[in-house]
Protein backbone atom coordinates (compact mmCIF):
# COMPACT_ATOMS: atom_id res chain seq x y z
CA MET A 1 12.73 -19.83 -23.96
CA GLY A 2 13.29 -16.59 -25.80
CA ASN A 3 13.82 -13.16 -23.17
CA SER A 4 12.80 -9.92 -23.72
CA TYR A 5 13.71 -8.42 -20.99
CA ARG A 6 16.00 -9.58 -17.98
CA HIS A 7 17.11 -7.32 -14.90
CA THR A 8 18.49 -8.07 -11.46
CA GLN A 9 18.06 -5.13 -9.08
CA ILE A 10 20.53 -5.08 -5.93
CA GLY A 11 18.74 -4.62 -2.61
CA VAL A 12 21.78 -2.65 -1.14
CA VAL A 13 19.04 -1.51 2.31
CA ILE A 14 17.94 -4.97 2.38
CA MET A 15 22.08 -6.03 2.75
CA VAL A 16 23.00 -3.41 5.07
CA THR A 17 19.86 -4.04 6.95
CA MET A 18 20.89 -8.03 7.53
CA ALA A 19 24.41 -7.82 7.70
CA ILE A 20 25.06 -4.73 10.28
CA PRO A 21 22.69 -6.80 13.03
CA ALA A 22 24.71 -10.43 12.20
CA LEU A 23 27.96 -8.24 12.28
CA ALA A 24 27.09 -6.54 15.59
CA VAL A 25 25.93 -9.83 16.94
CA ILE A 26 29.40 -10.91 16.34
CA ALA A 27 31.49 -8.50 17.72
CA ALA A 28 29.24 -8.36 21.22
CA VAL A 29 30.36 -11.61 21.76
CA THR A 30 33.91 -12.19 20.36
CA GLY A 31 36.04 -13.63 22.53
CA GLY A 32 35.13 -17.24 22.19
CA SER A 33 32.52 -19.05 20.53
CA LEU A 34 29.45 -18.03 20.06
CA PRO A 35 26.42 -19.18 22.01
CA ALA A 36 23.71 -21.25 20.61
CA PRO A 37 20.87 -18.80 20.51
CA PHE A 38 23.55 -16.08 19.01
CA LEU A 39 25.02 -17.99 16.31
CA ALA A 40 21.24 -18.83 15.58
CA LEU A 41 20.61 -15.40 15.43
CA VAL A 42 23.30 -14.64 12.91
CA GLY A 43 22.30 -17.37 10.60
CA VAL A 44 19.24 -16.08 10.48
CA PHE A 45 20.53 -12.50 9.48
CA LEU A 46 22.69 -14.19 6.86
CA ALA A 47 20.17 -16.44 5.64
CA CYS A 48 18.01 -12.94 4.90
CA LEU A 49 21.01 -11.91 3.27
CA VAL A 50 21.53 -14.45 0.64
CA LEU A 51 17.84 -14.40 -0.05
CA PHE A 52 16.54 -11.33 -0.77
CA ALA A 53 19.89 -9.60 -1.61
CA SER A 54 18.78 -9.14 -5.24
CA LEU A 55 15.74 -9.11 -7.67
CA THR A 56 15.82 -10.63 -10.78
CA VAL A 57 12.97 -10.41 -13.37
CA VAL A 58 12.68 -12.34 -16.82
CA VAL A 59 10.20 -11.95 -19.36
CA GLY A 60 9.81 -14.61 -21.64
CA ASP A 61 7.96 -16.00 -24.74
CA ALA A 62 5.12 -17.20 -22.20
CA ALA A 63 6.02 -16.01 -18.48
CA VAL A 64 7.26 -13.21 -15.89
CA PHE A 65 9.24 -14.61 -14.03
CA VAL A 66 10.64 -12.87 -10.44
CA ARG A 67 13.58 -14.98 -8.49
CA PHE A 68 14.73 -13.20 -5.40
CA GLY A 69 18.50 -13.81 -4.61
CA PRO A 70 19.87 -17.60 -5.66
CA GLY A 71 15.90 -18.44 -6.72
CA LEU A 72 15.09 -20.76 -3.69
CA ILE A 73 12.14 -17.99 -3.56
CA ARG A 74 10.51 -17.55 -7.03
CA ARG A 75 7.05 -16.59 -8.52
CA SER A 76 5.98 -17.05 -12.33
CA PHE A 77 3.06 -14.98 -14.28
CA ALA A 78 1.63 -16.89 -17.43
CA LEU A 79 1.53 -13.86 -20.06
CA THR A 80 -1.91 -15.53 -21.20
CA ASP A 81 -3.19 -14.84 -17.55
CA ILE A 82 -2.24 -10.98 -17.19
CA ARG A 83 -4.92 -8.78 -18.35
CA ALA A 84 -3.53 -5.28 -17.64
CA VAL A 85 -0.13 -3.90 -16.57
CA ARG A 86 0.81 -0.55 -15.27
CA THR A 87 4.01 1.41 -13.76
CA VAL A 88 2.96 2.37 -9.79
CA ARG A 89 4.94 3.75 -7.19
CA ASN A 90 4.22 1.95 -3.77
CA ARG A 91 3.90 3.36 -0.38
CA TRP A 92 7.18 3.55 1.61
CA TYR A 93 5.54 1.66 4.39
CA TYR A 94 4.70 -1.50 2.06
CA GLY A 95 8.50 -2.22 2.86
CA TRP A 96 10.98 -4.79 1.11
CA GLY A 97 10.85 -8.67 0.77
CA ILE A 98 7.46 -10.14 -0.27
CA ARG A 99 4.26 -8.52 1.17
CA LEU A 100 0.16 -9.02 1.20
CA LEU A 101 -1.19 -5.83 -0.28
CA PRO A 102 -4.78 -4.79 -0.32
CA ARG A 103 -4.93 -5.81 -3.91
CA GLY A 104 -2.36 -8.84 -3.94
CA TRP A 105 1.52 -9.47 -3.09
CA LEU A 106 4.26 -7.06 -3.61
CA TYR A 107 7.86 -8.64 -4.47
CA ASN A 108 10.56 -5.83 -3.94
CA VAL A 109 14.32 -5.52 -2.36
CA SER A 110 14.47 -1.83 -3.40
CA GLY A 111 12.94 1.58 -3.47
CA LEU A 112 9.16 2.26 -4.20
CA ASP A 113 8.67 2.20 -8.21
CA ALA A 114 6.92 -1.05 -9.13
CA VAL A 115 4.90 -2.56 -12.09
CA GLU A 116 1.81 -4.13 -11.24
CA ILE A 117 0.29 -7.06 -12.80
CA GLU A 118 -3.48 -7.80 -13.21
CA LEU A 119 -4.55 -11.09 -13.73
CA ALA A 120 -7.94 -12.40 -14.81
CA ASP A 121 -8.60 -13.52 -11.98
CA GLY A 122 -8.36 -9.52 -10.71
CA ARG A 123 -5.83 -10.31 -8.50
CA ALA A 124 -2.74 -7.96 -8.74
CA HIS A 125 1.09 -7.95 -8.25
CA ARG A 126 3.56 -5.59 -7.91
CA ILE A 127 7.07 -6.24 -8.89
CA GLY A 128 9.66 -3.75 -7.58
CA THR A 129 12.10 -2.53 -9.81
CA ASP A 130 14.49 0.30 -10.66
CA GLU A 131 13.11 0.15 -14.02
CA PRO A 132 9.18 0.42 -14.35
CA GLU A 133 8.95 1.80 -18.04
CA ALA A 134 11.18 -0.40 -19.27
CA LEU A 135 9.80 -3.61 -17.46
CA ALA A 136 5.87 -2.57 -18.29
CA ALA A 137 7.03 -2.37 -22.20
CA ALA A 138 8.34 -5.69 -22.37
CA ILE A 139 5.56 -7.21 -20.49
CA GLN A 140 3.12 -5.56 -22.62
CA GLN A 141 4.96 -6.34 -25.96
CA ALA A 142 5.16 -9.86 -24.57
CA GLY A 143 1.74 -9.94 -23.46
CA GLY A 144 0.19 -8.81 -26.71
CA LEU A 145 -1.16 -5.93 -24.13
CA ALA A 146 -2.42 -2.32 -25.42
CA GLY A 147 0.11 0.05 -23.97
């Protein structure tokens, strides 16, 4: 598969947001082993840290691939299913991670900029990025869409 575009964005805010509580729980319970509930809480924060620390977007010959962190959470969109692409600015309260929005889903690790792809069935998905113009242009070019 040839890649016309590949970019990984690091979610610094997500990393800090997950690391600080994990470290705070550990620091609060120093001097012995952590009780099971605290250990579980630390585990949840650390799992979120690993799973959502970055977002990689690849535009290939046949699809757009979106992958969080190491790739356990991922999504792909066939280029033949994409009928429109546009750069958008998310509302601040849309947040980060995976979110259901009024028109579809958001995949985001940082910032407010995104590229919205509209599928043939009318659903829309937003892919957060710090390179909205480059990502939109890559999807348009790979999918043969008008700019």
